[in-house]
Amino acid sequence: MIPIMACKQRGIIHRLNRPSCPQQNGKVERSHRTDGEEFYRLQRTKDLDYLIKERKKYDEFFNNCRPHMALEGLTPIEKLQSFSKYKSVTYVYS
């Protein structure tokens, strides 16, 4: 499904940032920086299949185990579960 149509169906307003303007998208830029510091900087291979497998493990750790300062020390799964609609979610995977 086209992302804009999926957003529209869910009542979500979809807005695009200006190209090459990281100031408009600080959360994504910060995520890229964290990924670089905690994952890519430590890799010693350029084997794409290996990197895909290891990145999936990293994403699962990042979302389910690693506390985040921006979430007041909670993991993303704990923050998600703090909303009544998502209390039953027990694991976030990639």
PDB file of N, CA and C in Angstrom:
ATOM      1  N   MET A   1       0.848  -1.182   0.000  1.00  0.00           N
ATOM      2  CA  MET A   1       0.000   0.000   0.000  1.00  0.00           C
ATOM      3  C   MET A   1       0.892   1.242   0.000  1.00  0.00           C
ATOM      4  N   ILE A   2       0.512   2.226  -0.729  1.00  0.00           N
ATOM      5  CA  ILE A   2       1.258   3.483  -0.789  1.00  0.00           C
ATOM      6  C   ILE A   2       1.180   4.161   0.579  1.00  0.00           C
ATOM      7  N   PRO A   3       2.333   4.555   1.173  1.00  0.00           N
ATOM      8  CA  PRO A   3       2.333   5.118   2.520  1.00  0.00           C
ATOM      9  C   PRO A   3       1.370   6.291   2.717  1.00  0.00           C
ATOM     10  N   ILE A   4       1.259   7.181   1.750  1.00  0.00           N
ATOM     11  CA  ILE A   4       0.377   8.334   1.910  1.00  0.00           C
ATOM     12  C   ILE A   4      -1.071   7.874   2.007  1.00  0.00           C
ATOM     13  N   MET A   5      -1.452   6.884   1.198  1.00  0.00           N
ATOM     14  CA  MET A   5      -2.821   6.359   1.255  1.00  0.00           C
ATOM     15  C   MET A   5      -3.077   5.649   2.583  1.00  0.00           C
ATOM     16  N   ALA A   6      -2.076   4.896   3.073  1.00  0.00           N
ATOM     17  CA  ALA A   6      -2.219   4.195   4.352  1.00  0.00           C
ATOM     18  C   ALA A   6      -2.403   5.203   5.481  1.00  0.00           C
ATOM     19  N   CYS A   7      -1.666   6.293   5.433  1.00  0.00           N
ATOM     20  CA  CYS A   7      -1.810   7.349   6.449  1.00  0.00           C
ATOM     21  C   CYS A   7      -3.205   7.955   6.380  1.00  0.00           C
ATOM     22  N   LYS A   8      -3.640   8.257   5.183  1.00  0.00           N
ATOM     23  CA  LYS A   8      -4.956   8.879   5.000  1.00  0.00           C
ATOM     24  C   LYS A   8      -6.064   7.996   5.563  1.00  0.00           C
ATOM     25  N   GLN A   9      -5.961   6.691   5.310  1.00  0.00           N
ATOM     26  CA  GLN A   9      -6.970   5.751   5.807  1.00  0.00           C
ATOM     27  C   GLN A   9      -7.020   5.724   7.334  1.00  0.00           C
ATOM     28  N   ARG A  10      -5.901   6.042   7.964  1.00  0.00           N
ATOM     29  CA  ARG A  10      -5.842   6.025   9.424  1.00  0.00           C
ATOM     30  C   ARG A  10      -6.007   7.414  10.042  1.00  0.00           C
ATOM     31  N   GLY A  11      -6.319   8.377   9.204  1.00  0.00           N
ATOM     32  CA  GLY A  11      -6.537   9.732   9.699  1.00  0.00           C
ATOM     33  C   GLY A  11      -5.258  10.449  10.088  1.00  0.00           C
ATOM     34  N   ILE A  12      -4.116  10.026   9.516  1.00  0.00           N
ATOM     35  CA  ILE A  12      -2.820  10.628   9.828  1.00  0.00           C
ATOM     36  C   ILE A  12      -2.461  11.612   8.726  1.00  0.00           C
ATOM     37  N   ILE A  13      -2.068  12.809   9.117  1.00  0.00           N
ATOM     38  CA  ILE A  13      -1.624  13.808   8.141  1.00  0.00           C
ATOM     39  C   ILE A  13      -0.162  13.527   7.811  1.00  0.00           C
ATOM     40  N   HIS A  14       0.148  13.341   6.542  1.00  0.00           N
ATOM     41  CA  HIS A  14       1.504  13.029   6.098  1.00  0.00           C
ATOM     42  C   HIS A  14       2.117  14.271   5.465  1.00  0.00           C
ATOM     43  N   ARG A  15       3.223  14.728   6.020  1.00  0.00           N
ATOM     44  CA  ARG A  15       3.914  15.898   5.470  1.00  0.00           C
ATOM     45  C   ARG A  15       5.352  15.524   5.150  1.00  0.00           C
ATOM     46  N   LEU A  16       5.845  16.043   4.061  1.00  0.00           N
ATOM     47  CA  LEU A  16       7.224  15.798   3.663  1.00  0.00           C
ATOM     48  C   LEU A  16       8.112  16.954   4.122  1.00  0.00           C
ATOM     49  N   ASN A  17       9.339  16.636   4.463  1.00  0.00           N
ATOM     50  CA  ASN A  17      10.328  17.662   4.784  1.00  0.00           C
ATOM     51  C   ASN A  17      10.948  18.173   3.496  1.00  0.00           C
ATOM     52  N   ARG A  18      11.535  19.350   3.585  1.00  0.00           N
ATOM     53  CA  ARG A  18      12.284  19.851   2.442  1.00  0.00           C
ATOM     54  C   ARG A  18      13.502  18.955   2.229  1.00  0.00           C
ATOM     55  N   PRO A  19      13.862  18.671   0.981  1.00  0.00           N
ATOM     56  CA  PRO A  19      15.054  17.856   0.720  1.00  0.00           C
ATOM     57  C   PRO A  19      16.309  18.521   1.302  1.00  0.00           C
ATOM     58  N   SER A  20      17.211  17.721   1.803  1.00  0.00           N
ATOM     59  CA  SER A  20      18.501  18.184   2.339  1.00  0.00           C
ATOM     60  C   SER A  20      18.339  19.213   3.448  1.00  0.00           C
ATOM     61  N   CYS A  21      17.385  19.006   4.314  1.00  0.00           N
ATOM     62  CA  CYS A  21      17.149  19.938   5.412  1.00  0.00           C
ATOM     63  C   CYS A  21      17.010  19.166   6.724  1.00  0.00           C
ATOM     64  N   PRO A  22      18.135  18.659   7.277  1.00  0.00           N
ATOM     65  CA  PRO A  22      18.061  17.833   8.478  1.00  0.00           C
ATOM     66  C   PRO A  22      17.496  18.574   9.684  1.00  0.00           C
ATOM     67  N   GLN A  23      17.524  19.904   9.667  1.00  0.00           N
ATOM     68  CA  GLN A  23      16.978  20.668  10.791  1.00  0.00           C
ATOM     69  C   GLN A  23      15.487  20.388  10.967  1.00  0.00           C
ATOM     70  N   GLN A  24      14.810  19.998   9.917  1.00  0.00           N
ATOM     71  CA  GLN A  24      13.381  19.737   9.992  1.00  0.00           C
ATOM     72  C   GLN A  24      13.072  18.346  10.522  1.00  0.00           C
ATOM     73  N   ASN A  25      14.069  17.512  10.627  1.00  0.00           N
ATOM     74  CA  ASN A  25      13.803  16.143  11.023  1.00  0.00           C
ATOM     75  C   ASN A  25      14.830  15.661  12.046  1.00  0.00           C
ATOM     76  N   GLY A  26      14.875  16.319  13.170  1.00  0.00           N
ATOM     77  CA  GLY A  26      15.862  16.029  14.200  1.00  0.00           C
ATOM     78  C   GLY A  26      15.808  14.620  14.746  1.00  0.00           C
ATOM     79  N   LYS A  27      14.617  14.056  14.872  1.00  0.00           N
ATOM     80  CA  LYS A  27      14.505  12.701  15.434  1.00  0.00           C
ATOM     81  C   LYS A  27      15.157  11.667  14.520  1.00  0.00           C
ATOM     82  N   VAL A  28      14.918  11.780  13.233  1.00  0.00           N
ATOM     83  CA  VAL A  28      15.526  10.836  12.296  1.00  0.00           C
ATOM     84  C   VAL A  28      17.032  11.043  12.242  1.00  0.00           C
ATOM     85  N   GLU A  29      17.461  12.305  12.224  1.00  0.00           N
ATOM     86  CA  GLU A  29      18.894  12.582  12.194  1.00  0.00           C
ATOM     87  C   GLU A  29      19.572  12.029  13.445  1.00  0.00           C
ATOM     88  N   ARG A  30      18.938  12.168  14.597  1.00  0.00           N
ATOM     89  CA  ARG A  30      19.498  11.634  15.837  1.00  0.00           C
ATOM     90  C   ARG A  30      19.544  10.111  15.781  1.00  0.00           C
ATOM     91  N   SER A  31      18.510   9.513  15.221  1.00  0.00           N
ATOM     92  CA  SER A  31      18.487   8.055  15.073  1.00  0.00           C
ATOM     93  C   SER A  31      19.644   7.586  14.187  1.00  0.00           C
ATOM     94  N   HIS A  32      19.884   8.288  13.107  1.00  0.00           N
ATOM     95  CA  HIS A  32      20.992   7.931  12.205  1.00  0.00           C
ATOM     96  C   HIS A  32      22.322   8.053  12.931  1.00  0.00           C
ATOM     97  N   ARG A  33      22.460   9.098  13.744  1.00  0.00           N
ATOM     98  CA  ARG A  33      23.706   9.291  14.494  1.00  0.00           C
ATOM     99  C   ARG A  33      23.910   8.144  15.490  1.00  0.00           C
ATOM    100  N   THR A  34      22.860   7.792  16.232  1.00  0.00           N
ATOM    101  CA  THR A  34      22.954   6.693  17.196  1.00  0.00           C
ATOM    102  C   THR A  34      23.288   5.391  16.487  1.00  0.00           C
ATOM    103  N   ASP A  35      22.634   5.110  15.368  1.00  0.00           N
ATOM    104  CA  ASP A  35      22.919   3.888  14.605  1.00  0.00           C
ATOM    105  C   ASP A  35      24.388   3.852  14.194  1.00  0.00           C
ATOM    106  N   GLY A  36      24.881   4.981  13.744  1.00  0.00           N
ATOM    107  CA  GLY A  36      26.284   5.044  13.332  1.00  0.00           C
ATOM    108  C   GLY A  36      27.229   4.795  14.491  1.00  0.00           C
ATOM    109  N   GLU A  37      26.939   5.410  15.630  1.00  0.00           N
ATOM    110  CA  GLU A  37      27.811   5.279  16.796  1.00  0.00           C
ATOM    111  C   GLU A  37      27.739   3.901  17.437  1.00  0.00           C
ATOM    112  N   GLU A  38      26.551   3.319  17.501  1.00  0.00           N
ATOM    113  CA  GLU A  38      26.374   2.068  18.237  1.00  0.00           C
ATOM    114  C   GLU A  38      26.383   0.809  17.377  1.00  0.00           C
ATOM    115  N   PHE A  39      26.218   0.959  16.080  1.00  0.00           N
ATOM    116  CA  PHE A  39      26.188  -0.240  15.245  1.00  0.00           C
ATOM    117  C   PHE A  39      27.236  -0.188  14.129  1.00  0.00           C
ATOM    118  N   TYR A  40      27.090   0.725  13.197  1.00  0.00           N
ATOM    119  CA  TYR A  40      27.934   0.705  12.000  1.00  0.00           C
ATOM    120  C   TYR A  40      29.407   0.934  12.305  1.00  0.00           C
ATOM    121  N   ARG A  41      29.725   1.773  13.272  1.00  0.00           N
ATOM    122  CA  ARG A  41      31.121   2.060  13.609  1.00  0.00           C
ATOM    123  C   ARG A  41      31.843   0.791  14.076  1.00  0.00           C
ATOM    124  N   LEU A  42      31.097  -0.142  14.658  1.00  0.00           N
ATOM    125  CA  LEU A  42      31.692  -1.353  15.217  1.00  0.00           C
ATOM    126  C   LEU A  42      31.828  -2.488  14.209  1.00  0.00           C
ATOM    127  N   GLN A  43      31.267  -2.336  13.030  1.00  0.00           N
ATOM    128  CA  GLN A  43      31.296  -3.405  12.030  1.00  0.00           C
ATOM    129  C   GLN A  43      32.623  -3.418  11.293  1.00  0.00           C
ATOM    130  N   ARG A  44      33.128  -4.611  11.068  1.00  0.00           N
ATOM    131  CA  ARG A  44      34.419  -4.769  10.385  1.00  0.00           C
ATOM    132  C   ARG A  44      34.253  -5.440   9.027  1.00  0.00           C
ATOM    133  N   THR A  45      33.029  -5.605   8.579  1.00  0.00           N
ATOM    134  CA  THR A  45      32.790  -6.293   7.309  1.00  0.00           C
ATOM    135  C   THR A  45      31.882  -5.446   6.427  1.00  0.00           C
ATOM    136  N   LYS A  46      31.938  -5.727   5.157  1.00  0.00           N
ATOM    137  CA  LYS A  46      31.026  -5.085   4.217  1.00  0.00           C
ATOM    138  C   LYS A  46      30.105  -6.118   3.585  1.00  0.00           C
ATOM    139  N   ASP A  47      30.070  -7.314   4.178  1.00  0.00           N
ATOM    140  CA  ASP A  47      29.206  -8.388   3.701  1.00  0.00           C
ATOM    141  C   ASP A  47      27.757  -8.020   3.997  1.00  0.00           C
ATOM    142  N   LEU A  48      26.989  -7.736   2.967  1.00  0.00           N
ATOM    143  CA  LEU A  48      25.631  -7.226   3.119  1.00  0.00           C
ATOM    144  C   LEU A  48      24.711  -8.203   3.851  1.00  0.00           C
ATOM    145  N   ASP A  49      24.784  -9.480   3.539  1.00  0.00           N
ATOM    146  CA  ASP A  49      23.924 -10.462   4.218  1.00  0.00           C
ATOM    147  C   ASP A  49      24.207 -10.491   5.713  1.00  0.00           C
ATOM    148  N   TYR A  50      25.470 -10.454   6.075  1.00  0.00           N
ATOM    149  CA  TYR A  50      25.853 -10.437   7.494  1.00  0.00           C
ATOM    150  C   TYR A  50      25.344  -9.163   8.167  1.00  0.00           C
ATOM    151  N   LEU A  51      25.531  -8.020   7.513  1.00  0.00           N
ATOM    152  CA  LEU A  51      25.093  -6.749   8.096  1.00  0.00           C
ATOM    153  C   LEU A  51      23.579  -6.711   8.293  1.00  0.00           C
ATOM    154  N   ILE A  52      22.829  -7.243   7.356  1.00  0.00           N
ATOM    155  CA  ILE A  52      21.371  -7.280   7.480  1.00  0.00           C
ATOM    156  C   ILE A  52      20.977  -8.116   8.691  1.00  0.00           C
ATOM    157  N   LYS A  53      21.595  -9.274   8.848  1.00  0.00           N
ATOM    158  CA  LYS A  53      21.299 -10.158   9.984  1.00  0.00           C
ATOM    159  C   LYS A  53      21.660  -9.481  11.312  1.00  0.00           C
ATOM    160  N   GLU A  54      22.835  -8.880  11.376  1.00  0.00           N
ATOM    161  CA  GLU A  54      23.275  -8.224  12.605  1.00  0.00           C
ATOM    162  C   GLU A  54      22.460  -6.970  12.903  1.00  0.00           C
ATOM    163  N   ARG A  55      22.051  -6.244  11.865  1.00  0.00           N
ATOM    164  CA  ARG A  55      21.239  -5.038  12.072  1.00  0.00           C
ATOM    165  C   ARG A  55      19.874  -5.403  12.654  1.00  0.00           C
ATOM    166  N   LYS A  56      19.314  -6.518  12.200  1.00  0.00           N
ATOM    167  CA  LYS A  56      18.037  -6.971  12.755  1.00  0.00           C
ATOM    168  C   LYS A  56      18.184  -7.256  14.249  1.00  0.00           C
ATOM    169  N   LYS A  57      19.281  -7.930  14.638  1.00  0.00           N
ATOM    170  CA  LYS A  57      19.523  -8.199  16.059  1.00  0.00           C
ATOM    171  C   LYS A  57      19.688  -6.899  16.839  1.00  0.00           C
ATOM    172  N   TYR A  58      20.421  -5.948  16.261  1.00  0.00           N
ATOM    173  CA  TYR A  58      20.621  -4.648  16.911  1.00  0.00           C
ATOM    174  C   TYR A  58      19.288  -3.922  17.086  1.00  0.00           C
ATOM    175  N   ASP A  59      18.466  -3.901  16.051  1.00  0.00           N
ATOM    176  CA  ASP A  59      17.161  -3.219  16.131  1.00  0.00           C
ATOM    177  C   ASP A  59      16.276  -3.846  17.207  1.00  0.00           C
ATOM    178  N   GLU A  60      16.293  -5.164  17.289  1.00  0.00           N
ATOM    179  CA  GLU A  60      15.486  -5.831  18.308  1.00  0.00           C
ATOM    180  C   GLU A  60      15.999  -5.499  19.711  1.00  0.00           C
ATOM    181  N   PHE A  61      17.315  -5.458  19.895  1.00  0.00           N
ATOM    182  CA  PHE A  61      17.891  -5.055  21.183  1.00  0.00           C
ATOM    183  C   PHE A  61      17.517  -3.601  21.486  1.00  0.00           C
ATOM    184  N   PHE A  62      17.677  -2.740  20.488  1.00  0.00           N
ATOM    185  CA  PHE A  62      17.413  -1.300  20.646  1.00  0.00           C
ATOM    186  C   PHE A  62      15.963  -1.056  21.063  1.00  0.00           C
ATOM    187  N   ASN A  63      15.029  -1.779  20.491  1.00  0.00           N
ATOM    188  CA  ASN A  63      13.606  -1.566  20.765  1.00  0.00           C
ATOM    189  C   ASN A  63      13.087  -2.289  22.000  1.00  0.00           C
ATOM    190  N   ASN A  64      13.727  -3.372  22.409  1.00  0.00           N
ATOM    191  CA  ASN A  64      13.180  -4.193  23.483  1.00  0.00           C
ATOM    192  C   ASN A  64      14.007  -4.211  24.770  1.00  0.00           C
ATOM    193  N   CYS A  65      15.267  -3.853  24.693  1.00  0.00           N
ATOM    194  CA  CYS A  65      16.142  -3.998  25.871  1.00  0.00           C
ATOM    195  C   CYS A  65      16.858  -2.715  26.288  1.00  0.00           C
ATOM    196  N   ARG A  66      17.203  -1.871  25.345  1.00  0.00           N
ATOM    197  CA  ARG A  66      18.050  -0.714  25.631  1.00  0.00           C
ATOM    198  C   ARG A  66      17.231   0.460  26.169  1.00  0.00           C
ATOM    199  N   PRO A  67      17.545   0.930  27.402  1.00  0.00           N
ATOM    200  CA  PRO A  67      16.863   2.114  27.925  1.00  0.00           C
ATOM    201  C   PRO A  67      17.269   3.361  27.119  1.00  0.00           C
ATOM    202  N   HIS A  68      16.351   4.318  27.021  1.00  0.00           N
ATOM    203  CA  HIS A  68      16.595   5.540  26.255  1.00  0.00           C
ATOM    204  C   HIS A  68      16.413   6.758  27.150  1.00  0.00           C
ATOM    205  N   MET A  69      17.367   7.652  27.123  1.00  0.00           N
ATOM    206  CA  MET A  69      17.256   8.883  27.923  1.00  0.00           C
ATOM    207  C   MET A  69      16.038   9.693  27.506  1.00  0.00           C
ATOM    208  N   ALA A  70      15.749   9.725  26.221  1.00  0.00           N
ATOM    209  CA  ALA A  70      14.609  10.511  25.733  1.00  0.00           C
ATOM    210  C   ALA A  70      13.274   9.935  26.203  1.00  0.00           C
ATOM    211  N   LEU A  71      13.290   8.678  26.648  1.00  0.00           N
ATOM    212  CA  LEU A  71      12.068   8.033  27.135  1.00  0.00           C
ATOM    213  C   LEU A  71      12.113   7.880  28.658  1.00  0.00           C
ATOM    214  N   GLU A  72      12.895   8.729  29.305  1.00  0.00           N
ATOM    215  CA  GLU A  72      13.032   8.731  30.771  1.00  0.00           C
ATOM    216  C   GLU A  72      13.498   7.386  31.301  1.00  0.00           C
ATOM    217  N   GLY A  73      14.441   6.769  30.610  1.00  0.00           N
ATOM    218  CA  GLY A  73      15.028   5.516  31.059  1.00  0.00           C
ATOM    219  C   GLY A  73      14.251   4.272  30.682  1.00  0.00           C
ATOM    220  N   LEU A  74      13.150   4.435  29.972  1.00  0.00           N
ATOM    221  CA  LEU A  74      12.368   3.275  29.526  1.00  0.00           C
ATOM    222  C   LEU A  74      12.924   2.758  28.211  1.00  0.00           C
ATOM    223  N   THR A  75      12.626   1.508  27.921  1.00  0.00           N
ATOM    224  CA  THR A  75      12.907   0.977  26.591  1.00  0.00           C
ATOM    225  C   THR A  75      11.733   1.381  25.694  1.00  0.00           C
ATOM    226  N   PRO A  76      11.902   1.374  24.386  1.00  0.00           N
ATOM    227  CA  PRO A  76      10.770   1.704  23.516  1.00  0.00           C
ATOM    228  C   PRO A  76       9.551   0.812  23.751  1.00  0.00           C
ATOM    229  N   ILE A  77       9.765  -0.474  24.013  1.00  0.00           N
ATOM    230  CA  ILE A  77       8.618  -1.351  24.256  1.00  0.00           C
ATOM    231  C   ILE A  77       7.899  -0.957  25.549  1.00  0.00           C
ATOM    232  N   GLU A  78       8.641  -0.571  26.571  1.00  0.00           N
ATOM    233  CA  GLU A  78       8.013  -0.132  27.820  1.00  0.00           C
ATOM    234  C   GLU A  78       7.220   1.155  27.612  1.00  0.00           C
ATOM    235  N   LYS A  79       7.768   2.062  26.827  1.00  0.00           N
ATOM    236  CA  LYS A  79       7.051   3.314  26.531  1.00  0.00           C
ATOM    237  C   LYS A  79       5.776   3.012  25.755  1.00  0.00           C
ATOM    238  N   LEU A  80       5.868   2.142  24.777  1.00  0.00           N
ATOM    239  CA  LEU A  80       4.697   1.765  23.994  1.00  0.00           C
ATOM    240  C   LEU A  80       3.622   1.146  24.889  1.00  0.00           C
ATOM    241  N   GLN A  81       4.039   0.281  25.803  1.00  0.00           N
ATOM    242  CA  GLN A  81       3.097  -0.390  26.702  1.00  0.00           C
ATOM    243  C   GLN A  81       2.459   0.573  27.704  1.00  0.00           C
ATOM    244  N   SER A  82       3.032   1.756  27.866  1.00  0.00           N
ATOM    245  CA  SER A  82       2.451   2.728  28.794  1.00  0.00           C
ATOM    246  C   SER A  82       1.156   3.332  28.248  1.00  0.00           C
ATOM    247  N   PHE A  83       0.880   3.106  26.971  1.00  0.00           N
ATOM    248  CA  PHE A  83      -0.368   3.545  26.358  1.00  0.00           C
ATOM    249  C   PHE A  83      -1.345   2.370  26.388  1.00  0.00           C
ATOM    250  N   SER A  84      -2.523   2.601  26.921  1.00  0.00           N
ATOM    251  CA  SER A  84      -3.473   1.504  27.139  1.00  0.00           C
ATOM    252  C   SER A  84      -3.751   0.692  25.872  1.00  0.00           C
ATOM    253  N   LYS A  85      -3.769   1.338  24.737  1.00  0.00           N
ATOM    254  CA  LYS A  85      -4.051   0.652  23.472  1.00  0.00           C
ATOM    255  C   LYS A  85      -2.993  -0.418  23.147  1.00  0.00           C
ATOM    256  N   TYR A  86      -1.775  -0.252  23.693  1.00  0.00           N
ATOM    257  CA  TYR A  86      -0.669  -1.148  23.337  1.00  0.00           C
ATOM    258  C   TYR A  86      -0.155  -1.983  24.511  1.00  0.00           C
ATOM    259  N   LYS A  87      -0.926  -2.095  25.583  1.00  0.00           N
ATOM    260  CA  LYS A  87      -0.484  -2.857  26.758  1.00  0.00           C
ATOM    261  C   LYS A  87      -0.168  -4.311  26.423  1.00  0.00           C
ATOM    262  N   SER A  88      -0.863  -4.867  25.453  1.00  0.00           N
ATOM    263  CA  SER A  88      -0.679  -6.287  25.132  1.00  0.00           C
ATOM    264  C   SER A  88       0.532  -6.551  24.234  1.00  0.00           C
ATOM    265  N   VAL A  89       1.169  -5.520  23.704  1.00  0.00           N
ATOM    266  CA  VAL A  89       2.358  -5.719  22.853  1.00  0.00           C
ATOM    267  C   VAL A  89       3.504  -6.169  23.763  1.00  0.00           C
ATOM    268  N   THR A  90       4.122  -7.288  23.417  1.00  0.00           N
ATOM    269  CA  THR A  90       5.183  -7.814  24.289  1.00  0.00           C
ATOM    270  C   THR A  90       6.555  -7.793  23.649  1.00  0.00           C
ATOM    271  N   TYR A  91       6.629  -7.530  22.347  1.00  0.00           N
ATOM    272  CA  TYR A  91       7.932  -7.572  21.677  1.00  0.00           C
ATOM    273  C   TYR A  91       7.830  -6.768  20.389  1.00  0.00           C
ATOM    274  N   VAL A  92       8.870  -6.010  20.098  1.00  0.00           N
ATOM    275  CA  VAL A  92       8.934  -5.255  18.836  1.00  0.00           C
ATOM    276  C   VAL A  92      10.084  -5.870  18.043  1.00  0.00           C
ATOM    277  N   TYR A  93       9.824  -6.248  16.818  1.00  0.00           N
ATOM    278  CA  TYR A  93      10.842  -6.874  15.986  1.00  0.00           C
ATOM    279  C   TYR A  93      10.953  -6.133  14.670  1.00  0.00           C
ATOM    280  N   SER A  94      12.012  -6.472  13.921  1.00  0.00           N
ATOM    281  CA  SER A  94      12.196  -5.833  12.616  1.00  0.00           C
ATOM    282  C   SER A  94      11.905  -6.813  11.521  1.00  0.00           C
TER     283      SER A  94
END
